[in-house]
Amino acid sequence: MEAIYDHIDHNLDILFVGYNPSIRSGETGHHYANPTNRFWTILFESGLTPRKYAPTEDFKLVELHYGLTNIVSKPTVGAADITKEEYQKGRTELKEKIEHFQPRIVCFVGKGVYQEYSGVRQVGWGIQNRTIVEGTIDFVAPSSSGLVRMKKEEILDIYRELNTLRNSVVAQKVK
């Protein structure tokens, strides 16, 4: 199964970073394609998107100044199937992407994604105290996987915080 393409560009407000594509995403070639994944619903219900996008429209997020990538590009059944070597390679590649494209905010979709990327073990939700790439804001949000046991409203509150941060950052950009 092939890796799915990043949707990334310069001048992004938010770059969303997941663990890696699901098998369903690998089969379809689209991010967050598993029907149990709530990513597209969360973006809409938190106010980050004007409507609920379908996984087949993932490339359209760039029009909203959002990007999509993963720390590991290989599709697997779950994050437990990712090797240390794949994480190491992905960590390096992700840092290079962030340095090159310079998104304003990097949203890690899951604490574990940020832990793998940063090496930081104690991670809270929201803006992180230290950023890995200067000039970007690291933000940690809950995974959108259907396996996450947080209440939906709690998840939405964190993504609403991300939307508020985005609005603030965009307002500063306009000045």
N, C-alpha and C. Protein backbone atom coordinates (compact mmCIF):
# COMPACT_ATOMS: atom_id res chain seq x y z
N MET A 1 0.85 -1.17 0.00
CA MET A 1 0.00 0.00 0.00
C MET A 1 0.89 1.24 0.00
N GLU A 2 0.56 2.19 -0.85
CA GLU A 2 1.36 3.40 -0.97
C GLU A 2 1.00 4.42 0.11
N ALA A 3 1.96 5.28 0.41
CA ALA A 3 1.69 6.40 1.32
C ALA A 3 0.73 7.36 0.62
N ILE A 4 -0.05 8.09 1.40
CA ILE A 4 -0.94 9.08 0.79
C ILE A 4 -0.22 10.42 0.74
N TYR A 5 -0.62 11.24 -0.21
CA TYR A 5 0.04 12.52 -0.42
C TYR A 5 -0.28 13.53 0.68
N ASP A 6 0.73 14.31 1.00
CA ASP A 6 0.52 15.46 1.87
C ASP A 6 -0.27 16.50 1.10
N HIS A 7 -1.02 17.29 1.82
CA HIS A 7 -1.64 18.49 1.26
C HIS A 7 -1.04 19.62 2.08
N ILE A 8 -0.04 20.25 1.50
CA ILE A 8 0.77 21.21 2.24
C ILE A 8 1.26 22.28 1.27
N ASP A 9 1.39 23.48 1.78
CA ASP A 9 1.83 24.60 0.96
C ASP A 9 2.40 25.67 1.88
N HIS A 10 2.96 26.68 1.30
CA HIS A 10 3.41 27.84 2.07
C HIS A 10 2.18 28.64 2.50
N ASN A 11 2.35 29.49 3.50
CA ASN A 11 1.30 30.40 3.96
C ASN A 11 0.11 29.69 4.61
N LEU A 12 0.36 28.57 5.26
CA LEU A 12 -0.71 27.86 5.96
C LEU A 12 -0.91 28.46 7.35
N ASP A 13 -2.17 28.54 7.74
CA ASP A 13 -2.48 28.93 9.12
C ASP A 13 -2.26 27.75 10.05
N ILE A 14 -2.71 26.56 9.62
CA ILE A 14 -2.57 25.35 10.45
C ILE A 14 -2.12 24.18 9.59
N LEU A 15 -1.12 23.47 10.06
CA LEU A 15 -0.73 22.19 9.48
C LEU A 15 -1.15 21.12 10.48
N PHE A 16 -2.09 20.26 10.08
CA PHE A 16 -2.53 19.15 10.93
C PHE A 16 -1.60 17.97 10.72
N VAL A 17 -1.11 17.39 11.82
CA VAL A 17 -0.18 16.27 11.76
C VAL A 17 -0.78 15.09 12.50
N GLY A 18 -1.00 13.99 11.78
CA GLY A 18 -1.50 12.77 12.38
C GLY A 18 -0.36 11.77 12.60
N TYR A 19 -0.70 10.62 13.21
CA TYR A 19 0.28 9.54 13.37
C TYR A 19 0.72 9.03 12.01
N ASN A 20 -0.24 8.42 11.33
CA ASN A 20 -0.01 7.84 10.01
C ASN A 20 -1.38 7.49 9.43
N PRO A 21 -1.44 7.26 8.13
CA PRO A 21 -2.73 6.94 7.52
C PRO A 21 -3.26 5.58 7.98
N SER A 22 -4.57 5.49 8.06
CA SER A 22 -5.21 4.21 8.33
C SER A 22 -5.15 3.35 7.06
N ILE A 23 -5.50 2.09 7.20
CA ILE A 23 -5.57 1.21 6.02
C ILE A 23 -6.60 1.78 5.04
N ARG A 24 -7.73 2.25 5.55
CA ARG A 24 -8.77 2.83 4.68
C ARG A 24 -8.24 4.05 3.93
N SER A 25 -7.48 4.89 4.61
CA SER A 25 -6.87 6.05 3.94
C SER A 25 -5.89 5.59 2.87
N GLY A 26 -5.12 4.55 3.18
CA GLY A 26 -4.19 3.99 2.19
C GLY A 26 -4.91 3.44 0.98
N GLU A 27 -6.06 2.82 1.20
CA GLU A 27 -6.85 2.27 0.09
C GLU A 27 -7.47 3.36 -0.78
N THR A 28 -7.90 4.44 -0.15
CA THR A 28 -8.61 5.50 -0.88
C THR A 28 -7.69 6.63 -1.34
N GLY A 29 -6.53 6.76 -0.68
CA GLY A 29 -5.62 7.86 -1.00
C GLY A 29 -6.01 9.17 -0.36
N HIS A 30 -6.86 9.13 0.66
CA HIS A 30 -7.33 10.36 1.31
C HIS A 30 -7.14 10.29 2.82
N HIS A 31 -6.81 11.43 3.39
CA HIS A 31 -6.59 11.55 4.83
C HIS A 31 -7.90 11.36 5.60
N TYR A 32 -7.78 10.73 6.76
CA TYR A 32 -8.90 10.54 7.70
C TYR A 32 -10.12 9.93 7.00
N ALA A 33 -9.88 8.88 6.24
CA ALA A 33 -10.95 8.25 5.44
C ALA A 33 -11.71 7.16 6.18
N ASN A 34 -11.19 6.69 7.32
CA ASN A 34 -11.89 5.65 8.06
C ASN A 34 -13.23 6.21 8.55
N PRO A 35 -14.33 5.52 8.28
CA PRO A 35 -15.65 6.04 8.68
C PRO A 35 -15.79 6.29 10.18
N THR A 36 -14.98 5.62 11.01
CA THR A 36 -15.07 5.85 12.46
C THR A 36 -14.24 7.05 12.91
N ASN A 37 -13.45 7.62 12.01
CA ASN A 37 -12.63 8.78 12.37
C ASN A 37 -13.49 10.04 12.30
N ARG A 38 -13.39 10.86 13.34
CA ARG A 38 -14.27 12.03 13.46
C ARG A 38 -13.61 13.35 13.02
N PHE A 39 -12.47 13.28 12.36
CA PHE A 39 -11.71 14.47 12.00
C PHE A 39 -12.55 15.51 11.28
N TRP A 40 -13.24 15.10 10.24
CA TRP A 40 -14.00 16.05 9.41
C TRP A 40 -15.16 16.65 10.19
N THR A 41 -15.79 15.86 11.02
CA THR A 41 -16.89 16.36 11.87
C THR A 41 -16.36 17.35 12.89
N ILE A 42 -15.24 17.02 13.52
CA ILE A 42 -14.64 17.90 14.53
C ILE A 42 -14.27 19.25 13.92
N LEU A 43 -13.66 19.23 12.74
CA LEU A 43 -13.28 20.51 12.11
C LEU A 43 -14.51 21.38 11.89
N PHE A 44 -15.59 20.78 11.40
CA PHE A 44 -16.80 21.55 11.13
C PHE A 44 -17.46 22.03 12.43
N GLU A 45 -17.66 21.12 13.37
CA GLU A 45 -18.40 21.47 14.59
C GLU A 45 -17.62 22.42 15.50
N SER A 46 -16.32 22.49 15.34
CA SER A 46 -15.51 23.42 16.14
C SER A 46 -15.41 24.79 15.47
N GLY A 47 -15.91 24.91 14.25
CA GLY A 47 -15.86 26.18 13.54
C GLY A 47 -14.63 26.37 12.68
N LEU A 48 -13.77 25.36 12.60
CA LEU A 48 -12.56 25.48 11.78
C LEU A 48 -12.85 25.43 10.28
N THR A 49 -13.94 24.75 9.90
CA THR A 49 -14.34 24.73 8.49
C THR A 49 -15.79 25.19 8.38
N PRO A 50 -16.15 25.79 7.24
CA PRO A 50 -17.51 26.31 7.08
C PRO A 50 -18.56 25.23 6.86
N ARG A 51 -18.10 24.03 6.54
CA ARG A 51 -18.99 22.89 6.33
C ARG A 51 -18.22 21.61 6.61
N LYS A 52 -18.93 20.49 6.65
CA LYS A 52 -18.26 19.22 6.86
C LYS A 52 -17.73 18.72 5.51
N TYR A 53 -16.44 18.63 5.42
CA TYR A 53 -15.80 18.12 4.21
C TYR A 53 -15.79 16.60 4.25
N ALA A 54 -15.74 15.99 3.08
CA ALA A 54 -15.58 14.54 2.96
C ALA A 54 -14.09 14.24 2.82
N PRO A 55 -13.66 13.04 3.20
CA PRO A 55 -12.25 12.70 3.02
C PRO A 55 -11.76 12.90 1.57
N THR A 56 -12.62 12.68 0.61
CA THR A 56 -12.24 12.86 -0.80
C THR A 56 -11.98 14.32 -1.16
N GLU A 57 -12.33 15.23 -0.26
CA GLU A 57 -12.09 16.66 -0.47
C GLU A 57 -10.89 17.15 0.35
N ASP A 58 -10.09 16.24 0.86
CA ASP A 58 -8.98 16.63 1.75
C ASP A 58 -8.07 17.69 1.13
N PHE A 59 -7.87 17.63 -0.17
CA PHE A 59 -7.01 18.59 -0.86
C PHE A 59 -7.57 20.01 -0.81
N LYS A 60 -8.86 20.16 -0.60
CA LYS A 60 -9.50 21.48 -0.56
C LYS A 60 -9.16 22.26 0.71
N LEU A 61 -8.64 21.59 1.73
CA LEU A 61 -8.30 22.30 2.96
C LEU A 61 -7.21 23.35 2.72
N VAL A 62 -6.36 23.12 1.72
CA VAL A 62 -5.31 24.09 1.41
C VAL A 62 -5.93 25.45 1.05
N GLU A 63 -7.12 25.43 0.44
CA GLU A 63 -7.82 26.68 0.11
C GLU A 63 -8.19 27.47 1.37
N LEU A 64 -8.34 26.76 2.49
CA LEU A 64 -8.66 27.39 3.78
C LEU A 64 -7.38 27.73 4.56
N HIS A 65 -6.23 27.51 3.95
CA HIS A 65 -4.91 27.71 4.55
C HIS A 65 -4.61 26.66 5.63
N TYR A 66 -5.12 25.44 5.41
CA TYR A 66 -4.82 24.31 6.27
C TYR A 66 -4.07 23.27 5.45
N GLY A 67 -3.21 22.52 6.12
CA GLY A 67 -2.49 21.44 5.47
C GLY A 67 -2.65 20.15 6.24
N LEU A 68 -2.31 19.04 5.57
CA LEU A 68 -2.42 17.72 6.17
C LEU A 68 -1.15 16.92 5.90
N THR A 69 -0.60 16.33 6.94
CA THR A 69 0.53 15.43 6.82
C THR A 69 0.49 14.47 8.00
N ASN A 70 1.46 13.57 8.06
CA ASN A 70 1.57 12.60 9.15
C ASN A 70 3.03 12.49 9.57
N ILE A 71 3.26 12.05 10.78
CA ILE A 71 4.63 11.84 11.22
C ILE A 71 5.24 10.62 10.51
N VAL A 72 4.41 9.65 10.17
CA VAL A 72 4.83 8.48 9.39
C VAL A 72 3.85 8.34 8.23
N SER A 73 4.38 8.16 7.03
CA SER A 73 3.51 8.16 5.85
C SER A 73 2.93 6.79 5.50
N LYS A 74 3.46 5.72 6.08
CA LYS A 74 3.01 4.37 5.74
C LYS A 74 1.69 4.03 6.43
N PRO A 75 0.67 3.62 5.65
CA PRO A 75 -0.59 3.19 6.26
C PRO A 75 -0.41 1.92 7.10
N THR A 76 -1.05 1.90 8.27
CA THR A 76 -1.05 0.71 9.13
C THR A 76 -2.42 0.59 9.79
N VAL A 77 -2.64 -0.55 10.41
CA VAL A 77 -3.88 -0.76 11.17
C VAL A 77 -3.93 0.20 12.35
N GLY A 78 -2.79 0.38 13.02
CA GLY A 78 -2.76 1.28 14.18
C GLY A 78 -1.36 1.81 14.42
N ALA A 79 -1.26 2.80 15.28
CA ALA A 79 0.03 3.42 15.59
C ALA A 79 1.01 2.42 16.21
N ALA A 80 0.50 1.39 16.86
CA ALA A 80 1.36 0.38 17.48
C ALA A 80 2.18 -0.39 16.43
N ASP A 81 1.76 -0.31 15.17
CA ASP A 81 2.46 -1.01 14.09
C ASP A 81 3.60 -0.20 13.49
N ILE A 82 3.85 0.99 14.02
CA ILE A 82 4.92 1.85 13.51
C ILE A 82 6.20 1.52 14.27
N THR A 83 7.29 1.33 13.53
CA THR A 83 8.57 0.97 14.16
C THR A 83 9.31 2.22 14.64
N LYS A 84 10.29 2.00 15.54
CA LYS A 84 11.13 3.10 16.02
C LYS A 84 11.86 3.77 14.86
N GLU A 85 12.30 2.97 13.90
CA GLU A 85 13.02 3.51 12.75
C GLU A 85 12.10 4.38 11.89
N GLU A 86 10.86 3.96 11.73
CA GLU A 86 9.90 4.75 10.96
C GLU A 86 9.59 6.07 11.66
N TYR A 87 9.48 6.03 12.99
CA TYR A 87 9.27 7.27 13.75
C TYR A 87 10.47 8.21 13.60
N GLN A 88 11.68 7.65 13.70
CA GLN A 88 12.89 8.47 13.59
C GLN A 88 12.94 9.15 12.22
N LYS A 89 12.71 8.40 11.17
CA LYS A 89 12.71 8.95 9.82
C LYS A 89 11.60 10.00 9.67
N GLY A 90 10.41 9.67 10.18
CA GLY A 90 9.28 10.58 10.09
C GLY A 90 9.50 11.87 10.86
N ARG A 91 10.12 11.77 12.02
CA ARG A 91 10.43 12.93 12.85
C ARG A 91 11.32 13.91 12.07
N THR A 92 12.35 13.38 11.44
CA THR A 92 13.26 14.20 10.65
C THR A 92 12.55 14.84 9.47
N GLU A 93 11.78 14.04 8.75
CA GLU A 93 11.07 14.55 7.57
C GLU A 93 10.03 15.60 7.96
N LEU A 94 9.32 15.37 9.06
CA LEU A 94 8.31 16.33 9.50
C LEU A 94 8.96 17.66 9.88
N LYS A 95 10.06 17.61 10.60
CA LYS A 95 10.75 18.84 10.98
C LYS A 95 11.18 19.60 9.72
N GLU A 96 11.69 18.90 8.73
CA GLU A 96 12.10 19.54 7.47
C GLU A 96 10.90 20.19 6.77
N LYS A 97 9.76 19.52 6.76
CA LYS A 97 8.55 20.09 6.14
C LYS A 97 8.13 21.38 6.87
N ILE A 98 8.15 21.33 8.20
CA ILE A 98 7.74 22.49 8.98
C ILE A 98 8.71 23.64 8.75
N GLU A 99 10.00 23.35 8.74
CA GLU A 99 11.00 24.40 8.49
C GLU A 99 10.83 25.00 7.10
N HIS A 100 10.53 24.16 6.13
CA HIS A 100 10.40 24.64 4.74
C HIS A 100 9.12 25.44 4.52
N PHE A 101 7.99 24.92 4.98
CA PHE A 101 6.70 25.55 4.69
C PHE A 101 6.30 26.62 5.72
N GLN A 102 6.88 26.56 6.93
CA GLN A 102 6.64 27.54 7.98
C GLN A 102 5.15 27.83 8.25
N PRO A 103 4.36 26.80 8.55
CA PRO A 103 2.97 27.08 8.94
C PRO A 103 2.95 27.90 10.23
N ARG A 104 1.91 28.68 10.42
CA ARG A 104 1.83 29.50 11.62
C ARG A 104 1.60 28.62 12.86
N ILE A 105 0.73 27.62 12.71
CA ILE A 105 0.41 26.69 13.80
C ILE A 105 0.58 25.27 13.28
N VAL A 106 1.20 24.42 14.09
CA VAL A 106 1.26 22.99 13.79
C VAL A 106 0.38 22.30 14.82
N CYS A 107 -0.71 21.70 14.36
CA CYS A 107 -1.63 21.01 15.25
C CYS A 107 -1.36 19.52 15.19
N PHE A 108 -0.91 18.98 16.29
CA PHE A 108 -0.64 17.55 16.40
C PHE A 108 -1.93 16.87 16.83
N VAL A 109 -2.45 16.00 15.98
CA VAL A 109 -3.74 15.35 16.21
C VAL A 109 -3.49 14.11 17.07
N GLY A 110 -3.33 14.36 18.36
CA GLY A 110 -3.05 13.30 19.34
C GLY A 110 -1.80 13.62 20.13
N LYS A 111 -1.86 13.40 21.45
CA LYS A 111 -0.69 13.65 22.30
C LYS A 111 0.50 12.80 21.87
N GLY A 112 0.22 11.56 21.52
CA GLY A 112 1.29 10.64 21.13
C GLY A 112 2.05 11.11 19.91
N VAL A 113 1.39 11.78 19.00
CA VAL A 113 2.05 12.31 17.81
C VAL A 113 3.09 13.35 18.24
N TYR A 114 2.67 14.25 19.12
CA TYR A 114 3.59 15.28 19.59
C TYR A 114 4.72 14.67 20.43
N GLN A 115 4.40 13.68 21.25
CA GLN A 115 5.43 13.03 22.05
C GLN A 115 6.49 12.39 21.15
N GLU A 116 6.06 11.72 20.09
CA GLU A 116 7.00 11.11 19.16
C GLU A 116 7.84 12.15 18.44
N TYR A 117 7.23 13.25 18.08
CA TYR A 117 7.92 14.30 17.35
C TYR A 117 8.89 15.08 18.24
N SER A 118 8.44 15.46 19.42
CA SER A 118 9.22 16.37 20.28
C SER A 118 10.14 15.67 21.27
N GLY A 119 9.81 14.44 21.62
CA GLY A 119 10.55 13.75 22.67
C GLY A 119 10.10 14.15 24.06
N VAL A 120 9.12 15.05 24.15
CA VAL A 120 8.56 15.49 25.43
C VAL A 120 7.54 14.47 25.89
N ARG A 121 7.61 14.04 27.13
CA ARG A 121 6.70 13.01 27.62
C ARG A 121 5.47 13.60 28.31
N GLN A 122 5.64 14.68 29.07
CA GLN A 122 4.51 15.32 29.76
C GLN A 122 3.92 16.37 28.83
N VAL A 123 2.77 16.06 28.27
CA VAL A 123 2.16 16.93 27.26
C VAL A 123 0.72 17.22 27.67
N GLY A 124 0.37 18.49 27.63
CA GLY A 124 -1.01 18.89 27.89
C GLY A 124 -1.68 19.27 26.58
N TRP A 125 -2.96 19.53 26.66
CA TRP A 125 -3.70 19.98 25.48
C TRP A 125 -3.40 21.44 25.20
N GLY A 126 -3.50 21.83 23.96
CA GLY A 126 -3.36 23.23 23.58
C GLY A 126 -1.95 23.62 23.20
N ILE A 127 -1.67 24.92 23.36
CA ILE A 127 -0.37 25.47 22.99
C ILE A 127 0.70 24.88 23.90
N GLN A 128 1.81 24.47 23.29
CA GLN A 128 2.92 23.90 24.05
C GLN A 128 3.89 25.00 24.46
N ASN A 129 4.55 24.82 25.59
CA ASN A 129 5.47 25.82 26.13
C ASN A 129 6.67 26.05 25.23
N ARG A 130 7.14 24.99 24.61
CA ARG A 130 8.28 25.16 23.72
C ARG A 130 7.88 24.71 22.33
N THR A 131 8.45 25.35 21.34
CA THR A 131 8.18 24.97 19.96
C THR A 131 9.44 24.34 19.38
N ILE A 132 9.27 23.40 18.50
CA ILE A 132 10.42 22.69 17.93
C ILE A 132 11.04 23.51 16.80
N VAL A 133 10.20 24.11 15.97
CA VAL A 133 10.68 24.93 14.85
C VAL A 133 10.33 26.38 15.14
N GLU A 134 11.35 27.20 15.24
CA GLU A 134 11.15 28.62 15.54
C GLU A 134 10.21 29.26 14.52
N GLY A 135 9.30 30.10 15.03
CA GLY A 135 8.36 30.80 14.15
C GLY A 135 7.03 30.09 13.99
N THR A 136 6.90 28.90 14.57
CA THR A 136 5.62 28.18 14.54
C THR A 136 5.13 27.99 15.96
N ILE A 137 3.84 27.78 16.09
CA ILE A 137 3.22 27.47 17.39
C ILE A 137 2.85 26.00 17.37
N ASP A 138 3.31 25.23 18.35
CA ASP A 138 2.93 23.83 18.47
C ASP A 138 1.68 23.74 19.33
N PHE A 139 0.66 23.07 18.81
CA PHE A 139 -0.63 22.92 19.48
C PHE A 139 -0.98 21.44 19.48
N VAL A 140 -1.37 20.91 20.63
CA VAL A 140 -1.73 19.50 20.73
C VAL A 140 -3.24 19.39 20.96
N ALA A 141 -3.88 18.62 20.09
CA ALA A 141 -5.32 18.37 20.18
C ALA A 141 -5.55 16.87 20.28
N PRO A 142 -6.70 16.46 20.78
CA PRO A 142 -6.98 15.02 20.87
C PRO A 142 -7.03 14.38 19.48
N SER A 143 -6.68 13.13 19.46
CA SER A 143 -6.83 12.35 18.24
C SER A 143 -8.32 12.31 17.86
N SER A 144 -8.57 12.27 16.58
CA SER A 144 -9.95 12.20 16.10
C SER A 144 -10.42 10.77 15.90
N SER A 145 -9.59 9.82 16.25
CA SER A 145 -9.93 8.41 16.13
C SER A 145 -11.18 8.08 16.94
N GLY A 146 -11.97 7.18 16.41
CA GLY A 146 -13.15 6.72 17.12
C GLY A 146 -12.80 5.95 18.39
N LEU A 147 -11.53 5.59 18.55
CA LEU A 147 -11.09 4.85 19.74
C LEU A 147 -10.88 5.76 20.95
N VAL A 148 -10.79 7.07 20.71
CA VAL A 148 -10.57 8.02 21.80
C VAL A 148 -11.81 8.06 22.68
N ARG A 149 -11.60 7.98 23.98
CA ARG A 149 -12.72 7.88 24.92
C ARG A 149 -13.09 9.19 25.59
N MET A 150 -12.56 10.30 25.12
CA MET A 150 -12.97 11.60 25.67
C MET A 150 -14.38 11.92 25.19
N LYS A 151 -15.08 12.71 25.96
CA LYS A 151 -16.40 13.16 25.52
C LYS A 151 -16.23 14.08 24.32
N LYS A 152 -17.15 13.97 23.39
CA LYS A 152 -17.06 14.76 22.16
C LYS A 152 -16.99 16.25 22.46
N GLU A 153 -17.75 16.72 23.43
CA GLU A 153 -17.75 18.15 23.76
C GLU A 153 -16.39 18.61 24.27
N GLU A 154 -15.70 17.76 25.03
CA GLU A 154 -14.35 18.09 25.50
C GLU A 154 -13.39 18.21 24.33
N ILE A 155 -13.50 17.30 23.39
CA ILE A 155 -12.66 17.34 22.19
C ILE A 155 -12.95 18.61 21.40
N LEU A 156 -14.23 18.91 21.21
CA LEU A 156 -14.61 20.11 20.46
C LEU A 156 -14.10 21.38 21.14
N ASP A 157 -14.13 21.42 22.46
CA ASP A 157 -13.64 22.61 23.18
C ASP A 157 -12.17 22.86 22.86
N ILE A 158 -11.37 21.82 22.77
CA ILE A 158 -9.94 21.98 22.47
C ILE A 158 -9.76 22.45 21.03
N TYR A 159 -10.54 21.91 20.12
CA TYR A 159 -10.46 22.36 18.72
C TYR A 159 -11.03 23.78 18.56
N ARG A 160 -11.99 24.16 19.39
CA ARG A 160 -12.47 25.55 19.38
C ARG A 160 -11.36 26.49 19.85
N GLU A 161 -10.59 26.04 20.82
CA GLU A 161 -9.43 26.81 21.29
C GLU A 161 -8.43 26.99 20.13
N LEU A 162 -8.24 25.93 19.34
CA LEU A 162 -7.38 26.02 18.16
C LEU A 162 -7.93 27.04 17.18
N ASN A 163 -9.24 27.05 16.98
CA ASN A 163 -9.87 28.01 16.07
C ASN A 163 -9.68 29.45 16.58
N THR A 164 -9.82 29.64 17.88
CA THR A 164 -9.59 30.97 18.47
C THR A 164 -8.15 31.40 18.25
N LEU A 165 -7.21 30.49 18.47
CA LEU A 165 -5.80 30.78 18.24
C LEU A 165 -5.56 31.14 16.78
N ARG A 166 -6.12 30.36 15.88
CA ARG A 166 -5.98 30.64 14.44
C ARG A 166 -6.50 32.03 14.11
N ASN A 167 -7.68 32.37 14.62
CA ASN A 167 -8.26 33.70 14.36
C ASN A 167 -7.33 34.80 14.86
N SER A 168 -6.74 34.60 16.02
CA SER A 168 -5.81 35.57 16.60
C SER A 168 -4.55 35.71 15.75
N VAL A 169 -4.01 34.59 15.32
CA VAL A 169 -2.80 34.60 14.51
C VAL A 169 -3.07 35.24 13.15
N VAL A 170 -4.22 34.94 12.55
CA VAL A 170 -4.59 35.52 11.26
C VAL A 170 -4.78 37.03 11.41
N ALA A 171 -5.40 37.46 12.49
CA ALA A 171 -5.60 38.90 12.73
C ALA A 171 -4.25 39.62 12.84
N GLN A 172 -3.28 39.00 13.50
CA GLN A 172 -1.95 39.59 13.61
C GLN A 172 -1.26 39.65 12.25
N LYS A 173 -1.50 38.65 11.42
CA LYS A 173 -0.91 38.58 10.08
C LYS A 173 -1.41 39.75 9.22
N VAL A 174 -2.67 40.12 9.40
CA VAL A 174 -3.30 41.17 8.60
C VAL A 174 -2.75 42.55 8.96
N LYS A 175 -2.34 42.73 10.22
CA LYS A 175 -1.85 44.05 10.69
C LYS A 175 -0.59 44.47 9.97
